[in-house]
């Protein structure tokens, strides 16, 4: 037998890709990249999904599928703060932008810098596969990765190019 899937959407632009994180329903879709996605037009990419805390009922994760079909996500900047620990002014905490009332992310679930990646959390039924990540820069406070801050699902056939980087201000899994 052959499994047949109907794609929720073919992702053609950076804005299409960012829109996967717009809602719980959107995070349950089946997406296929139609081409390489250059995210340089988005000054600070919001992580896809929403995580506040372990028990928060408003959390939602990627429980759908993103099939890269061999294409790449490129030139992502995803940063919760401009003030990492170790800057020249040691008096500011690493999330100074949040505490000063000028957070880098619009979604409150991302502002503390927890579980930061292009996907905030890939849920237990979420799948990201057949995709490359190129020149992606991710900065979070804790639990940070290029693809996902936290992955409870499946990541298959993924290439993370050496020009990608992760910066975290406390600890990392």
N, C-alpha and C. Protein backbone atom coordinates (compact mmCIF):
# COMPACT_ATOMS: atom_id res chain seq x y z
N UNK A 1 0.83 -1.18 0.00
CA UNK A 1 0.00 0.00 0.00
C UNK A 1 0.88 1.24 0.00
N UNK A 2 0.33 2.30 -0.52
CA UNK A 2 1.04 3.57 -0.59
C UNK A 2 0.27 4.60 0.22
N UNK A 3 0.97 5.24 1.15
CA UNK A 3 0.34 6.32 1.91
C UNK A 3 0.26 7.56 1.05
N UNK A 4 -0.87 8.21 1.06
CA UNK A 4 -1.05 9.46 0.31
C UNK A 4 -1.39 10.56 1.31
N UNK A 5 -0.66 11.64 1.22
CA UNK A 5 -0.90 12.78 2.10
C UNK A 5 -1.29 13.98 1.27
N UNK A 6 -2.20 14.76 1.77
CA UNK A 6 -2.53 16.04 1.16
C UNK A 6 -1.82 17.12 1.94
N UNK A 7 -1.00 17.89 1.27
CA UNK A 7 -0.27 18.97 1.94
C UNK A 7 -1.24 20.07 2.35
N UNK A 8 -1.09 20.54 3.58
CA UNK A 8 -1.84 21.70 4.04
C UNK A 8 -1.42 22.92 3.22
N UNK A 9 -0.10 23.01 2.95
CA UNK A 9 0.41 24.18 2.23
C UNK A 9 1.80 23.87 1.69
N UNK A 10 2.08 24.35 0.50
CA UNK A 10 3.44 24.34 -0.01
C UNK A 10 4.07 25.64 0.45
N UNK A 11 5.19 25.56 1.11
CA UNK A 11 5.89 26.72 1.65
C UNK A 11 6.80 27.27 0.55
N UNK A 12 6.55 28.52 0.15
CA UNK A 12 7.30 29.14 -0.94
C UNK A 12 8.11 30.35 -0.50
N UNK A 13 7.72 30.98 0.63
CA UNK A 13 8.38 32.21 1.08
C UNK A 13 8.70 32.13 2.57
N UNK A 14 9.54 33.04 3.03
CA UNK A 14 9.85 33.13 4.47
C UNK A 14 8.59 33.41 5.27
N UNK A 15 7.70 34.22 4.75
CA UNK A 15 6.46 34.55 5.44
C UNK A 15 5.56 33.32 5.55
N UNK A 16 5.52 32.50 4.49
CA UNK A 16 4.77 31.23 4.55
C UNK A 16 5.33 30.36 5.68
N UNK A 17 6.65 30.29 5.75
CA UNK A 17 7.29 29.44 6.76
C UNK A 17 6.98 29.97 8.16
N UNK A 18 7.12 31.27 8.38
CA UNK A 18 6.84 31.87 9.69
C UNK A 18 5.39 31.62 10.10
N UNK A 19 4.47 31.59 9.15
CA UNK A 19 3.05 31.45 9.46
C UNK A 19 2.67 30.08 10.03
N UNK A 20 3.56 29.09 9.90
CA UNK A 20 3.29 27.78 10.51
C UNK A 20 3.08 27.94 12.01
N UNK A 21 3.75 28.89 12.63
CA UNK A 21 3.65 29.09 14.08
C UNK A 21 2.51 29.98 14.52
N UNK A 22 1.61 30.34 13.63
CA UNK A 22 0.56 31.31 13.94
C UNK A 22 -0.48 30.80 14.92
N UNK A 23 -0.72 29.50 14.97
CA UNK A 23 -1.77 28.97 15.84
C UNK A 23 -1.55 27.48 16.08
N UNK A 24 -2.28 26.95 17.04
CA UNK A 24 -2.23 25.51 17.30
C UNK A 24 -2.65 24.74 16.06
N UNK A 25 -3.72 25.17 15.40
CA UNK A 25 -4.19 24.48 14.20
C UNK A 25 -3.12 24.49 13.12
N UNK A 26 -2.47 25.63 12.92
CA UNK A 26 -1.42 25.72 11.90
C UNK A 26 -0.27 24.75 12.21
N UNK A 27 0.04 24.57 13.48
CA UNK A 27 1.14 23.67 13.88
C UNK A 27 0.79 22.19 13.71
N UNK A 28 -0.45 21.91 13.33
CA UNK A 28 -0.87 20.52 13.11
C UNK A 28 -0.95 20.17 11.63
N UNK A 29 -0.53 21.08 10.76
CA UNK A 29 -0.63 20.86 9.33
C UNK A 29 0.49 20.02 8.75
N UNK A 30 0.39 19.75 7.46
CA UNK A 30 1.41 19.02 6.71
C UNK A 30 1.96 19.98 5.67
N UNK A 31 3.23 20.34 5.82
CA UNK A 31 3.86 21.36 4.98
C UNK A 31 5.00 20.76 4.18
N UNK A 32 5.14 21.22 2.95
CA UNK A 32 6.22 20.79 2.08
C UNK A 32 6.90 22.05 1.54
N UNK A 33 8.23 22.08 1.61
CA UNK A 33 8.95 23.20 1.00
C UNK A 33 8.89 23.05 -0.52
N UNK A 34 8.58 24.13 -1.19
CA UNK A 34 8.52 24.14 -2.65
C UNK A 34 9.85 24.57 -3.26
N UNK A 35 10.72 25.14 -2.44
CA UNK A 35 12.02 25.65 -2.88
C UNK A 35 12.82 25.98 -1.62
N UNK A 36 14.08 26.42 -1.80
CA UNK A 36 14.83 26.92 -0.65
C UNK A 36 14.10 28.14 -0.10
N UNK A 37 14.11 28.29 1.22
CA UNK A 37 13.43 29.41 1.87
C UNK A 37 14.49 30.32 2.48
N UNK A 38 14.60 31.53 1.96
CA UNK A 38 15.55 32.52 2.46
C UNK A 38 14.82 33.42 3.45
N UNK A 39 15.19 33.31 4.72
CA UNK A 39 14.50 34.06 5.78
C UNK A 39 15.17 35.38 6.12
N UNK A 40 16.09 35.85 5.29
CA UNK A 40 16.78 37.11 5.58
C UNK A 40 15.83 38.31 5.58
N UNK A 41 14.65 38.17 5.01
CA UNK A 41 13.68 39.28 5.00
C UNK A 41 12.98 39.44 6.36
N UNK A 42 13.13 38.47 7.26
CA UNK A 42 12.54 38.54 8.60
C UNK A 42 13.66 38.90 9.56
N UNK A 43 13.59 40.09 10.15
CA UNK A 43 14.70 40.57 10.98
C UNK A 43 14.94 39.70 12.21
N UNK A 44 13.88 39.18 12.83
CA UNK A 44 14.04 38.27 13.96
C UNK A 44 12.92 37.24 13.90
N UNK A 45 13.26 36.05 13.49
CA UNK A 45 12.31 34.96 13.29
C UNK A 45 11.72 34.51 14.62
N UNK A 46 10.40 34.48 14.72
CA UNK A 46 9.73 33.97 15.93
C UNK A 46 9.75 32.45 15.89
N UNK A 47 10.19 31.80 16.97
CA UNK A 47 10.13 30.33 16.98
C UNK A 47 8.71 29.83 16.69
N UNK A 48 8.63 28.71 16.01
CA UNK A 48 7.34 28.12 15.66
C UNK A 48 6.84 27.31 16.84
N UNK A 49 5.62 27.58 17.28
CA UNK A 49 5.04 26.94 18.46
C UNK A 49 5.00 27.90 19.62
N UNK A 50 4.51 27.42 20.74
CA UNK A 50 4.34 28.29 21.90
C UNK A 50 4.48 27.46 23.18
N UNK A 51 5.48 27.79 23.99
CA UNK A 51 5.73 27.11 25.25
C UNK A 51 5.89 28.14 26.36
N UNK A 52 5.02 28.07 27.37
CA UNK A 52 5.15 28.95 28.54
C UNK A 52 5.78 28.21 29.71
N UNK A 53 5.22 27.05 30.05
CA UNK A 53 5.73 26.23 31.15
C UNK A 53 5.15 24.82 30.97
N UNK A 54 5.64 23.87 31.75
CA UNK A 54 5.24 22.47 31.60
C UNK A 54 3.72 22.27 31.60
N UNK A 55 3.00 22.93 32.48
CA UNK A 55 1.58 22.67 32.67
C UNK A 55 0.66 23.70 32.02
N UNK A 56 1.19 24.64 31.28
CA UNK A 56 0.36 25.71 30.74
C UNK A 56 -0.55 25.19 29.63
N UNK A 57 -1.86 25.36 29.76
CA UNK A 57 -2.79 24.83 28.74
C UNK A 57 -2.76 25.60 27.42
N UNK A 58 -2.10 26.75 27.39
CA UNK A 58 -2.02 27.51 26.13
C UNK A 58 -0.81 27.13 25.29
N UNK A 59 0.01 26.19 25.77
CA UNK A 59 1.14 25.70 24.97
C UNK A 59 0.62 25.05 23.69
N UNK A 60 1.36 25.19 22.61
CA UNK A 60 1.13 24.35 21.43
C UNK A 60 2.46 24.16 20.72
N UNK A 61 2.63 22.96 20.21
CA UNK A 61 3.89 22.55 19.58
C UNK A 61 3.63 22.12 18.14
N UNK A 62 4.72 21.93 17.39
CA UNK A 62 4.56 21.34 16.07
C UNK A 62 4.14 19.88 16.27
N UNK A 63 2.91 19.57 15.90
CA UNK A 63 2.44 18.18 15.89
C UNK A 63 2.13 17.75 14.47
N UNK A 64 2.49 18.58 13.53
CA UNK A 64 2.30 18.27 12.12
C UNK A 64 3.60 17.78 11.51
N UNK A 65 3.71 17.95 10.21
CA UNK A 65 4.87 17.50 9.46
C UNK A 65 5.42 18.65 8.63
N UNK A 66 6.72 18.82 8.67
CA UNK A 66 7.41 19.70 7.73
C UNK A 66 8.35 18.82 6.94
N UNK A 67 8.06 18.65 5.66
CA UNK A 67 8.91 17.88 4.75
C UNK A 67 9.66 18.87 3.87
N UNK A 68 10.96 18.94 4.03
CA UNK A 68 11.77 19.87 3.26
C UNK A 68 11.94 19.47 1.81
N UNK A 69 11.63 18.22 1.47
CA UNK A 69 11.74 17.73 0.10
C UNK A 69 13.12 18.02 -0.50
N UNK A 70 14.15 18.01 0.36
CA UNK A 70 15.52 18.24 -0.09
C UNK A 70 15.93 19.70 -0.16
N UNK A 71 15.05 20.62 0.18
CA UNK A 71 15.37 22.05 0.13
C UNK A 71 15.90 22.52 1.49
N UNK A 72 16.26 23.79 1.57
CA UNK A 72 16.90 24.35 2.78
C UNK A 72 16.14 25.54 3.32
N UNK A 73 16.23 25.71 4.63
CA UNK A 73 15.85 26.94 5.31
C UNK A 73 17.16 27.70 5.51
N UNK A 74 17.21 28.95 5.04
CA UNK A 74 18.47 29.70 5.03
C UNK A 74 18.32 31.05 5.72
N UNK A 75 19.44 31.52 6.25
CA UNK A 75 19.58 32.90 6.73
C UNK A 75 18.55 33.29 7.80
N UNK A 76 18.40 32.42 8.79
CA UNK A 76 17.49 32.69 9.90
C UNK A 76 18.28 33.35 11.03
N UNK A 77 17.74 34.45 11.55
CA UNK A 77 18.21 35.04 12.80
C UNK A 77 17.05 34.91 13.77
N UNK A 78 17.30 34.25 14.89
CA UNK A 78 16.26 33.97 15.88
C UNK A 78 16.87 34.25 17.25
N UNK A 79 16.56 35.41 17.84
CA UNK A 79 17.25 35.83 19.07
C UNK A 79 16.29 36.45 20.06
N UNK A 80 16.34 35.97 21.29
CA UNK A 80 15.46 36.51 22.32
C UNK A 80 16.02 37.80 22.92
N UNK A 81 17.31 38.07 22.73
CA UNK A 81 17.92 39.24 23.35
C UNK A 81 19.14 39.68 22.54
N UNK A 82 19.44 40.97 22.61
CA UNK A 82 20.68 41.48 22.02
C UNK A 82 21.81 41.53 23.04
N UNK A 83 21.53 41.12 24.28
CA UNK A 83 22.48 41.32 25.37
C UNK A 83 22.91 40.00 26.01
N UNK A 84 23.73 39.23 25.31
CA UNK A 84 24.18 37.97 25.92
C UNK A 84 25.12 38.22 27.09
N UNK A 85 25.16 37.27 28.02
CA UNK A 85 26.13 37.35 29.13
C UNK A 85 27.52 37.50 28.54
N UNK A 86 28.33 38.25 29.22
CA UNK A 86 29.69 38.43 28.76
C UNK A 86 29.88 39.66 27.89
N UNK A 87 28.83 40.48 27.75
CA UNK A 87 29.01 41.72 27.01
C UNK A 87 29.86 42.66 27.86
N UNK A 88 30.22 43.79 27.33
CA UNK A 88 31.11 44.70 28.03
C UNK A 88 30.50 45.25 29.32
N UNK A 89 29.18 45.31 29.42
CA UNK A 89 28.53 45.77 30.64
C UNK A 89 27.99 44.57 31.41
N UNK A 90 28.73 44.11 32.40
CA UNK A 90 28.39 42.90 33.16
C UNK A 90 27.19 43.11 34.09
N UNK A 91 26.71 44.35 34.26
CA UNK A 91 25.60 44.60 35.16
C UNK A 91 24.25 44.21 34.58
N UNK A 92 24.17 44.02 33.28
CA UNK A 92 22.90 43.66 32.67
C UNK A 92 22.75 42.15 32.64
N UNK A 93 21.57 41.64 33.03
CA UNK A 93 21.35 40.20 32.88
C UNK A 93 21.27 39.83 31.40
N UNK A 94 21.38 38.56 31.10
CA UNK A 94 21.40 38.13 29.71
C UNK A 94 20.10 38.45 28.99
N UNK A 95 19.00 38.55 29.71
CA UNK A 95 17.74 38.89 29.06
C UNK A 95 17.34 40.34 29.37
N UNK A 96 18.30 41.22 29.31
CA UNK A 96 18.08 42.64 29.59
C UNK A 96 16.95 43.22 28.74
N UNK A 97 16.88 42.84 27.47
CA UNK A 97 15.84 43.38 26.59
C UNK A 97 14.45 43.06 27.13
N UNK A 98 14.28 41.87 27.68
CA UNK A 98 12.99 41.47 28.25
C UNK A 98 12.68 42.31 29.49
N UNK A 99 13.66 42.41 30.38
CA UNK A 99 13.44 43.14 31.64
C UNK A 99 13.29 44.64 31.43
N UNK A 100 13.85 45.17 30.38
CA UNK A 100 13.74 46.60 30.13
C UNK A 100 12.46 46.96 29.37
N UNK A 101 11.62 45.97 29.10
CA UNK A 101 10.36 46.23 28.40
C UNK A 101 10.48 46.32 26.90
N UNK A 102 11.60 45.84 26.36
CA UNK A 102 11.81 45.87 24.92
C UNK A 102 12.22 44.49 24.43
N UNK A 103 11.31 43.49 24.56
CA UNK A 103 11.68 42.14 24.15
C UNK A 103 11.87 42.04 22.64
N UNK A 104 12.74 41.14 22.24
CA UNK A 104 13.00 40.93 20.81
C UNK A 104 11.88 40.16 20.13
N UNK A 105 11.24 39.22 20.86
CA UNK A 105 10.16 38.45 20.29
C UNK A 105 8.82 39.09 20.62
N UNK A 106 7.87 39.02 19.71
CA UNK A 106 6.53 39.53 19.96
C UNK A 106 5.72 38.58 20.83
N UNK A 107 5.84 37.27 20.60
CA UNK A 107 5.07 36.29 21.35
C UNK A 107 5.64 36.15 22.76
N UNK A 108 4.80 36.37 23.75
CA UNK A 108 5.23 36.31 25.14
C UNK A 108 5.82 34.94 25.51
N UNK A 109 5.37 33.88 24.86
CA UNK A 109 5.88 32.54 25.14
C UNK A 109 7.35 32.40 24.78
N UNK A 110 7.87 33.26 23.93
CA UNK A 110 9.26 33.16 23.50
C UNK A 110 10.18 34.13 24.25
N UNK A 111 9.62 35.11 24.93
CA UNK A 111 10.40 36.22 25.46
C UNK A 111 11.39 35.84 26.55
N UNK A 112 11.11 34.81 27.34
CA UNK A 112 12.05 34.42 28.40
C UNK A 112 13.27 33.71 27.84
N UNK A 113 13.23 33.29 26.59
CA UNK A 113 14.38 32.65 25.97
C UNK A 113 14.49 31.16 26.24
N UNK A 114 13.40 30.51 26.68
CA UNK A 114 13.41 29.08 26.99
C UNK A 114 12.96 28.27 25.78
N UNK A 115 13.64 27.13 25.54
CA UNK A 115 13.30 26.24 24.42
C UNK A 115 13.30 27.01 23.10
N UNK A 116 14.42 27.61 22.79
CA UNK A 116 14.49 28.45 21.59
C UNK A 116 15.21 27.72 20.45
N UNK A 117 14.55 27.69 19.32
CA UNK A 117 15.08 27.15 18.08
C UNK A 117 14.13 27.63 16.99
N UNK A 118 14.36 27.23 15.77
CA UNK A 118 13.43 27.60 14.71
C UNK A 118 12.04 27.08 15.08
N UNK A 119 12.00 25.88 15.67
CA UNK A 119 10.78 25.37 16.32
C UNK A 119 11.02 25.48 17.82
N UNK A 120 10.09 26.09 18.54
CA UNK A 120 10.28 26.15 19.98
C UNK A 120 10.25 24.75 20.56
N UNK A 121 9.23 23.98 20.20
CA UNK A 121 9.13 22.58 20.62
C UNK A 121 8.53 21.78 19.46
N UNK A 122 9.18 20.67 19.12
CA UNK A 122 8.58 19.71 18.21
C UNK A 122 7.87 18.70 19.11
N UNK A 123 6.54 18.65 19.01
CA UNK A 123 5.74 17.79 19.86
C UNK A 123 5.91 16.32 19.54
N UNK A 124 5.31 15.46 20.36
CA UNK A 124 5.50 14.01 20.26
C UNK A 124 5.06 13.43 18.92
N UNK A 125 4.13 14.06 18.23
CA UNK A 125 3.73 13.56 16.91
C UNK A 125 4.26 14.46 15.78
N UNK A 126 5.13 15.40 16.10
CA UNK A 126 5.70 16.29 15.09
C UNK A 126 6.85 15.64 14.35
N UNK A 127 6.99 16.00 13.07
CA UNK A 127 8.06 15.46 12.23
C UNK A 127 8.66 16.60 11.41
N UNK A 128 9.97 16.70 11.42
CA UNK A 128 10.72 17.60 10.54
C UNK A 128 11.70 16.70 9.80
N UNK A 129 11.61 16.70 8.46
CA UNK A 129 12.43 15.74 7.72
C UNK A 129 12.86 16.28 6.36
N UNK A 130 13.92 15.66 5.83
CA UNK A 130 14.40 15.91 4.46
C UNK A 130 14.70 17.38 4.21
N UNK A 131 15.46 17.98 5.12
CA UNK A 131 15.66 19.43 5.06
C UNK A 131 17.08 19.79 5.51
N UNK A 132 17.59 20.88 4.97
CA UNK A 132 18.89 21.42 5.39
C UNK A 132 18.66 22.77 6.04
N UNK A 133 19.53 23.11 6.97
CA UNK A 133 19.52 24.42 7.61
C UNK A 133 20.87 25.06 7.33
N UNK A 134 20.83 26.26 6.76
CA UNK A 134 22.04 26.93 6.28
C UNK A 134 22.08 28.36 6.79
N UNK A 135 23.18 28.72 7.45
CA UNK A 135 23.39 30.07 7.98
C UNK A 135 22.25 30.49 8.92
N UNK A 136 21.93 29.64 9.87
CA UNK A 136 20.89 29.92 10.86
C UNK A 136 21.56 30.25 12.19
N UNK A 137 21.21 31.37 12.77
CA UNK A 137 21.80 31.86 14.03
C UNK A 137 20.69 31.91 15.08
N UNK A 138 20.82 31.12 16.15
CA UNK A 138 19.79 31.03 17.17
C UNK A 138 20.40 31.39 18.52
N UNK A 139 19.71 32.29 19.25
CA UNK A 139 20.18 32.75 20.56
C UNK A 139 19.02 32.63 21.55
N UNK A 140 19.24 31.88 22.61
CA UNK A 140 18.24 31.75 23.66
C UNK A 140 18.90 31.77 25.02
N UNK A 141 18.08 31.76 26.05
CA UNK A 141 18.59 31.76 27.41
C UNK A 141 18.91 30.34 27.87
N UNK A 142 17.99 29.42 27.61
CA UNK A 142 18.19 28.05 28.08
C UNK A 142 17.50 27.06 27.13
N UNK A 143 18.07 25.91 26.97
CA UNK A 143 17.58 24.83 26.11
C UNK A 143 17.40 25.37 24.68
N UNK A 144 18.49 25.39 23.94
CA UNK A 144 18.56 26.05 22.64
C UNK A 144 19.12 25.10 21.59
N UNK A 145 18.57 25.14 20.40
CA UNK A 145 19.10 24.37 19.28
C UNK A 145 18.76 25.04 17.97
N UNK A 146 19.45 24.70 16.92
CA UNK A 146 19.15 25.29 15.61
C UNK A 146 17.75 24.88 15.17
N UNK A 147 17.48 23.59 15.11
CA UNK A 147 16.19 23.11 14.62
C UNK A 147 15.10 23.33 15.66
N UNK A 148 15.35 22.93 16.91
CA UNK A 148 14.34 23.04 17.96
C UNK A 148 14.99 23.26 19.31
N UNK A 149 14.30 24.03 20.16
CA UNK A 149 14.74 24.14 21.53
C UNK A 149 14.53 22.82 22.25
N UNK A 150 13.45 22.14 21.93
CA UNK A 150 13.13 20.86 22.56
C UNK A 150 12.45 20.00 21.50
N UNK A 151 12.90 18.76 21.38
CA UNK A 151 12.34 17.85 20.39
C UNK A 151 11.83 16.59 21.08
N UNK A 152 10.51 16.43 21.09
CA UNK A 152 9.90 15.20 21.60
C UNK A 152 9.40 14.33 20.45
N UNK A 153 9.53 14.82 19.23
CA UNK A 153 9.02 14.13 18.04
C UNK A 153 10.12 13.48 17.25
N UNK A 154 10.08 13.69 15.94
CA UNK A 154 11.03 13.03 15.04
C UNK A 154 11.71 14.07 14.16
N UNK A 155 13.01 13.96 14.07
CA UNK A 155 13.81 14.76 13.16
C UNK A 155 14.58 13.76 12.30
N UNK A 156 14.29 13.74 11.00
CA UNK A 156 14.84 12.72 10.11
C UNK A 156 15.51 13.36 8.91
N UNK A 157 16.68 12.84 8.54
CA UNK A 157 17.36 13.27 7.33
C UNK A 157 17.54 14.79 7.30
N UNK A 158 18.18 15.30 8.35
CA UNK A 158 18.39 16.74 8.51
C UNK A 158 19.89 17.05 8.41
N UNK A 159 20.21 18.10 7.69
CA UNK A 159 21.57 18.58 7.58
C UNK A 159 21.64 19.97 8.21
N UNK A 160 22.52 20.14 9.18
CA UNK A 160 22.77 21.46 9.77
C UNK A 160 24.17 21.86 9.33
N UNK A 161 24.26 22.83 8.42
CA UNK A 161 25.55 23.24 7.89
C UNK A 161 26.41 23.89 8.96
N UNK A 162 27.71 23.84 8.76
CA UNK A 162 28.66 24.33 9.77
C UNK A 162 28.59 25.84 9.96
N UNK A 163 27.92 26.58 9.09
CA UNK A 163 27.79 28.03 9.27
C UNK A 163 26.60 28.39 10.16
N UNK A 164 25.92 27.39 10.72
CA UNK A 164 24.85 27.65 11.69
C UNK A 164 25.48 27.78 13.08
N UNK A 165 24.81 28.52 13.96
CA UNK A 165 25.35 28.67 15.32
C UNK A 165 24.24 28.78 16.34
N UNK A 166 24.59 28.41 17.56
CA UNK A 166 23.68 28.49 18.70
C UNK A 166 24.43 29.21 19.81
N UNK A 167 23.76 30.19 20.42
CA UNK A 167 24.29 30.90 21.58
C UNK A 167 23.26 30.78 22.69
N UNK A 168 23.71 30.33 23.85
CA UNK A 168 22.78 30.28 24.97
C UNK A 168 23.45 30.89 26.17
N UNK A 169 22.61 31.46 27.03
CA UNK A 169 23.14 32.22 28.15
C UNK A 169 23.20 31.45 29.45
N UNK A 170 22.56 30.28 29.54
CA UNK A 170 22.68 29.49 30.77
C UNK A 170 23.09 28.07 30.45
N UNK A 171 22.16 27.13 30.26
CA UNK A 171 22.55 25.75 30.00
C UNK A 171 21.90 25.20 28.73
N UNK A 172 22.34 24.02 28.34
CA UNK A 172 21.96 23.45 27.04
C UNK A 172 21.75 21.96 27.19
N UNK A 173 20.75 21.42 26.50
CA UNK A 173 20.61 19.97 26.37
C UNK A 173 21.12 19.58 25.02
